[in-house]
Amino acid sequence: MKILTCPLNGPRNIAEFSYGGEVTAMPDPNGCSDAEWADHLMMADNTAGIVREWWCHIASAYWFIAERNTVTDEIIRTYPASEVFKQRIDFDAPDGGGGR
């Protein structure tokens, strides 16, 4: 059984987690093209070596970052996303309003 350590819930069976993709720089959501946004969401660099990845503990819906060696599949460390992302991003609604 493979164990992944959630920063919030501690060591858990990896079956309790969902992979969310590589941590990459986000393009400006209000200024990029649809193609650039789709590329950011759907394409991965698939780098051999240590990469930062989004993971979610499904039971608690807690998203965090894991550094994993893609060659050996070794988890180097896990940590809260707040260690990397210090501020929230405000997404403007397409109509300029607040939605609803």
N, C-alpha and C. Protein backbone atom coordinates (compact mmCIF):
# COMPACT_ATOMS: atom_id res chain seq x y z
N MET A 1 0.84 -1.17 0.00
CA MET A 1 0.00 0.00 0.00
C MET A 1 0.90 1.24 0.00
N LYS A 2 0.59 2.19 -0.90
CA LYS A 2 1.36 3.43 -0.98
C LYS A 2 0.69 4.47 -0.09
N ILE A 3 1.51 5.17 0.68
CA ILE A 3 1.04 6.18 1.63
C ILE A 3 1.44 7.56 1.13
N LEU A 4 0.49 8.50 1.20
CA LEU A 4 0.76 9.90 0.89
C LEU A 4 0.39 10.70 2.13
N THR A 5 1.26 11.62 2.53
CA THR A 5 1.01 12.40 3.74
C THR A 5 0.32 13.71 3.38
N CYS A 6 -0.91 13.83 3.82
CA CYS A 6 -1.67 15.07 3.64
C CYS A 6 -1.24 16.05 4.73
N PRO A 7 -0.93 17.30 4.38
CA PRO A 7 -0.52 18.27 5.40
C PRO A 7 -1.60 18.54 6.45
N LEU A 8 -2.86 18.30 6.10
CA LEU A 8 -3.95 18.54 7.04
C LEU A 8 -4.35 17.28 7.80
N ASN A 9 -4.39 16.13 7.12
CA ASN A 9 -4.94 14.91 7.70
C ASN A 9 -3.91 13.83 8.03
N GLY A 10 -2.64 14.07 7.71
CA GLY A 10 -1.61 13.10 8.02
C GLY A 10 -1.50 11.99 6.98
N PRO A 11 -0.73 10.94 7.29
CA PRO A 11 -0.50 9.84 6.35
C PRO A 11 -1.80 9.08 6.04
N ARG A 12 -2.05 8.86 4.74
CA ARG A 12 -3.25 8.16 4.30
C ARG A 12 -2.92 7.29 3.09
N ASN A 13 -3.75 6.28 2.86
CA ASN A 13 -3.64 5.44 1.67
C ASN A 13 -3.82 6.33 0.43
N ILE A 14 -3.01 6.14 -0.57
CA ILE A 14 -3.07 7.00 -1.76
C ILE A 14 -4.41 6.92 -2.48
N ALA A 15 -5.18 5.87 -2.21
CA ALA A 15 -6.51 5.75 -2.82
C ALA A 15 -7.45 6.86 -2.35
N GLU A 16 -7.11 7.55 -1.26
CA GLU A 16 -7.92 8.65 -0.74
C GLU A 16 -7.65 9.98 -1.44
N PHE A 17 -6.76 9.97 -2.44
CA PHE A 17 -6.33 11.21 -3.07
C PHE A 17 -6.64 11.22 -4.56
N SER A 18 -6.71 12.44 -5.09
CA SER A 18 -6.87 12.63 -6.52
C SER A 18 -5.78 13.57 -7.00
N TYR A 19 -5.13 13.19 -8.11
CA TYR A 19 -4.07 14.01 -8.71
C TYR A 19 -4.71 15.17 -9.46
N GLY A 20 -4.14 16.36 -9.31
CA GLY A 20 -4.72 17.54 -9.93
C GLY A 20 -3.86 18.21 -10.98
N GLY A 21 -2.72 17.61 -11.32
CA GLY A 21 -1.86 18.20 -12.36
C GLY A 21 -0.67 18.93 -11.78
N GLU A 22 0.19 19.38 -12.67
CA GLU A 22 1.40 20.08 -12.27
C GLU A 22 1.07 21.49 -11.78
N VAL A 23 1.87 21.98 -10.85
CA VAL A 23 1.77 23.37 -10.41
C VAL A 23 2.55 24.20 -11.44
N THR A 24 1.83 25.04 -12.16
CA THR A 24 2.46 25.88 -13.18
C THR A 24 1.99 27.32 -13.02
N ALA A 25 2.71 28.23 -13.61
CA ALA A 25 2.31 29.64 -13.57
C ALA A 25 1.02 29.81 -14.38
N MET A 26 0.07 30.50 -13.80
CA MET A 26 -1.21 30.70 -14.46
C MET A 26 -1.17 31.93 -15.34
N PRO A 27 -1.65 31.82 -16.58
CA PRO A 27 -1.73 33.02 -17.42
C PRO A 27 -2.80 33.97 -16.87
N ASP A 28 -2.77 35.21 -17.29
CA ASP A 28 -3.77 36.19 -16.86
C ASP A 28 -5.14 35.72 -17.34
N PRO A 29 -6.04 35.35 -16.42
CA PRO A 29 -7.33 34.81 -16.83
C PRO A 29 -8.21 35.82 -17.55
N ASN A 30 -7.93 37.11 -17.37
CA ASN A 30 -8.72 38.15 -18.00
C ASN A 30 -8.08 38.68 -19.29
N GLY A 31 -6.89 38.18 -19.63
CA GLY A 31 -6.22 38.70 -20.81
C GLY A 31 -5.69 37.66 -21.77
N CYS A 32 -5.74 36.39 -21.39
CA CYS A 32 -5.19 35.36 -22.28
C CYS A 32 -6.28 34.86 -23.23
N SER A 33 -5.84 34.23 -24.30
CA SER A 33 -6.77 33.67 -25.27
C SER A 33 -7.36 32.36 -24.74
N ASP A 34 -8.43 31.91 -25.38
CA ASP A 34 -9.01 30.62 -25.01
C ASP A 34 -8.00 29.50 -25.20
N ALA A 35 -7.19 29.58 -26.26
CA ALA A 35 -6.19 28.55 -26.53
C ALA A 35 -5.12 28.53 -25.44
N GLU A 36 -4.68 29.70 -24.98
CA GLU A 36 -3.70 29.77 -23.90
C GLU A 36 -4.27 29.21 -22.59
N TRP A 37 -5.54 29.51 -22.31
CA TRP A 37 -6.17 29.01 -21.09
C TRP A 37 -6.32 27.49 -21.16
N ALA A 38 -6.76 26.98 -22.31
CA ALA A 38 -6.90 25.52 -22.49
C ALA A 38 -5.55 24.83 -22.35
N ASP A 39 -4.51 25.42 -22.91
CA ASP A 39 -3.16 24.86 -22.80
C ASP A 39 -2.74 24.79 -21.33
N HIS A 40 -3.03 25.84 -20.57
CA HIS A 40 -2.68 25.86 -19.14
C HIS A 40 -3.42 24.75 -18.38
N LEU A 41 -4.69 24.56 -18.69
CA LEU A 41 -5.50 23.58 -17.97
C LEU A 41 -5.24 22.14 -18.37
N MET A 42 -4.96 21.90 -19.65
CA MET A 42 -4.95 20.54 -20.16
C MET A 42 -3.58 19.95 -20.50
N MET A 43 -2.59 20.78 -20.72
CA MET A 43 -1.30 20.27 -21.16
C MET A 43 -0.32 20.20 -19.98
N ALA A 44 0.51 19.18 -19.98
CA ALA A 44 1.52 19.01 -18.93
C ALA A 44 2.90 18.94 -19.57
N ASP A 45 3.90 19.42 -18.84
CA ASP A 45 5.28 19.37 -19.35
C ASP A 45 5.82 17.94 -19.32
N ASN A 46 5.31 17.11 -18.40
CA ASN A 46 5.75 15.73 -18.27
C ASN A 46 7.27 15.63 -18.07
N THR A 47 7.77 16.43 -17.17
CA THR A 47 9.19 16.50 -16.88
C THR A 47 9.66 15.26 -16.11
N ALA A 48 10.82 14.74 -16.50
CA ALA A 48 11.45 13.65 -15.74
C ALA A 48 12.25 14.28 -14.61
N GLY A 49 11.95 13.89 -13.38
CA GLY A 49 12.64 14.45 -12.23
C GLY A 49 11.64 14.95 -11.21
N ILE A 50 12.06 15.88 -10.37
CA ILE A 50 11.22 16.38 -9.30
C ILE A 50 10.31 17.48 -9.83
N VAL A 51 9.00 17.30 -9.63
CA VAL A 51 8.00 18.28 -10.05
C VAL A 51 7.07 18.59 -8.88
N ARG A 52 6.45 19.77 -8.94
CA ARG A 52 5.43 20.14 -7.96
C ARG A 52 4.08 19.82 -8.57
N GLU A 53 3.22 19.16 -7.78
CA GLU A 53 1.92 18.72 -8.28
C GLU A 53 0.81 19.07 -7.29
N TRP A 54 -0.38 19.32 -7.84
CA TRP A 54 -1.57 19.50 -7.03
C TRP A 54 -2.13 18.13 -6.67
N TRP A 55 -2.50 17.94 -5.41
CA TRP A 55 -3.17 16.73 -4.94
C TRP A 55 -4.33 17.15 -4.05
N CYS A 56 -5.38 16.35 -4.04
CA CYS A 56 -6.54 16.62 -3.21
C CYS A 56 -6.86 15.40 -2.35
N HIS A 57 -7.00 15.63 -1.04
CA HIS A 57 -7.50 14.57 -0.17
C HIS A 57 -9.01 14.58 -0.33
N ILE A 58 -9.54 13.54 -0.95
CA ILE A 58 -10.94 13.52 -1.37
C ILE A 58 -11.90 13.64 -0.19
N ALA A 59 -11.64 12.93 0.89
CA ALA A 59 -12.56 12.93 2.03
C ALA A 59 -12.75 14.30 2.65
N SER A 60 -11.69 15.11 2.64
CA SER A 60 -11.79 16.44 3.26
C SER A 60 -11.81 17.57 2.23
N ALA A 61 -11.65 17.24 0.95
CA ALA A 61 -11.61 18.24 -0.13
C ALA A 61 -10.47 19.24 0.08
N TYR A 62 -9.38 18.77 0.68
CA TYR A 62 -8.23 19.63 0.98
C TYR A 62 -7.19 19.51 -0.14
N TRP A 63 -6.93 20.64 -0.82
CA TRP A 63 -5.93 20.68 -1.88
C TRP A 63 -4.59 21.10 -1.30
N PHE A 64 -3.52 20.45 -1.76
CA PHE A 64 -2.17 20.76 -1.29
C PHE A 64 -1.18 20.47 -2.41
N ILE A 65 0.08 20.74 -2.15
CA ILE A 65 1.14 20.54 -3.14
C ILE A 65 2.07 19.42 -2.67
N ALA A 66 2.44 18.57 -3.60
CA ALA A 66 3.42 17.52 -3.33
C ALA A 66 4.57 17.68 -4.32
N GLU A 67 5.77 17.50 -3.83
CA GLU A 67 6.94 17.42 -4.71
C GLU A 67 7.23 15.94 -4.89
N ARG A 68 7.23 15.50 -6.15
CA ARG A 68 7.37 14.07 -6.45
C ARG A 68 8.40 13.87 -7.54
N ASN A 69 9.24 12.85 -7.38
CA ASN A 69 10.19 12.47 -8.41
C ASN A 69 9.45 11.58 -9.40
N THR A 70 9.26 12.06 -10.63
CA THR A 70 8.48 11.31 -11.61
C THR A 70 9.24 10.10 -12.16
N VAL A 71 10.53 10.03 -11.92
CA VAL A 71 11.31 8.87 -12.38
C VAL A 71 11.18 7.72 -11.39
N THR A 72 11.30 8.02 -10.10
CA THR A 72 11.24 6.98 -9.07
C THR A 72 9.87 6.88 -8.39
N ASP A 73 8.98 7.84 -8.63
CA ASP A 73 7.66 7.96 -8.01
C ASP A 73 7.76 8.20 -6.51
N GLU A 74 8.90 8.69 -6.04
CA GLU A 74 9.09 9.00 -4.62
C GLU A 74 8.48 10.37 -4.30
N ILE A 75 7.69 10.43 -3.22
CA ILE A 75 7.17 11.70 -2.74
C ILE A 75 8.26 12.34 -1.88
N ILE A 76 8.74 13.49 -2.30
CA ILE A 76 9.81 14.19 -1.58
C ILE A 76 9.23 14.89 -0.34
N ARG A 77 8.16 15.66 -0.55
CA ARG A 77 7.49 16.32 0.56
C ARG A 77 6.13 16.81 0.12
N THR A 78 5.27 17.07 1.11
CA THR A 78 3.96 17.66 0.86
C THR A 78 3.82 18.88 1.75
N TYR A 79 3.05 19.88 1.27
CA TYR A 79 2.88 21.10 2.06
C TYR A 79 1.64 21.86 1.60
N PRO A 80 1.12 22.73 2.47
CA PRO A 80 -0.06 23.52 2.09
C PRO A 80 0.26 24.44 0.92
N ALA A 81 -0.72 24.68 0.08
CA ALA A 81 -0.54 25.59 -1.06
C ALA A 81 -0.21 27.00 -0.60
N SER A 82 -0.58 27.35 0.62
CA SER A 82 -0.31 28.69 1.14
C SER A 82 1.18 28.98 1.27
N GLU A 83 2.02 27.95 1.24
CA GLU A 83 3.47 28.19 1.25
C GLU A 83 3.94 28.80 -0.07
N VAL A 84 3.20 28.58 -1.14
CA VAL A 84 3.57 29.10 -2.46
C VAL A 84 2.69 30.28 -2.86
N PHE A 85 1.39 30.14 -2.63
CA PHE A 85 0.43 31.14 -3.07
C PHE A 85 0.00 31.98 -1.88
N LYS A 86 0.44 33.24 -1.86
CA LYS A 86 0.22 34.11 -0.70
C LYS A 86 -1.04 34.98 -0.83
N GLN A 87 -1.60 35.08 -2.04
CA GLN A 87 -2.80 35.90 -2.21
C GLN A 87 -3.79 35.23 -3.14
N ARG A 88 -5.05 35.61 -2.98
CA ARG A 88 -6.11 35.07 -3.83
C ARG A 88 -6.14 35.82 -5.15
N ILE A 89 -6.68 35.18 -6.17
CA ILE A 89 -6.83 35.81 -7.48
C ILE A 89 -8.30 36.11 -7.70
N ASP A 90 -8.59 37.33 -8.09
CA ASP A 90 -9.96 37.74 -8.33
C ASP A 90 -10.27 37.54 -9.81
N PHE A 91 -11.20 36.66 -10.12
CA PHE A 91 -11.61 36.41 -11.49
C PHE A 91 -12.83 37.28 -11.79
N ASP A 92 -12.74 38.07 -12.87
CA ASP A 92 -13.88 38.87 -13.29
C ASP A 92 -14.87 38.00 -14.04
N ALA A 93 -16.15 38.21 -13.79
CA ALA A 93 -17.20 37.50 -14.53
C ALA A 93 -17.19 38.01 -15.97
N PRO A 94 -17.50 37.14 -16.95
CA PRO A 94 -17.48 37.55 -18.36
C PRO A 94 -18.38 38.74 -18.66
N ASP A 95 -19.50 38.88 -17.93
CA ASP A 95 -20.41 39.99 -18.19
C ASP A 95 -20.04 41.25 -17.40
N GLY A 96 -18.95 41.16 -16.63
CA GLY A 96 -18.51 42.30 -15.85
C GLY A 96 -19.23 42.41 -14.51
N GLY A 97 -20.25 41.59 -14.32
CA GLY A 97 -21.00 41.61 -13.07
C GLY A 97 -20.48 40.56 -12.12
N GLY A 98 -21.22 40.32 -11.13
CA GLY A 98 -20.83 39.35 -10.12
C GLY A 98 -21.44 37.98 -10.32
N GLY A 99 -22.06 37.75 -11.46
CA GLY A 99 -22.69 36.45 -11.67
C GLY A 99 -24.17 36.53 -11.41
N ARG A 100 -24.73 35.62 -10.76
CA ARG A 100 -26.14 35.47 -10.41
C ARG A 100 -26.96 36.61 -10.78
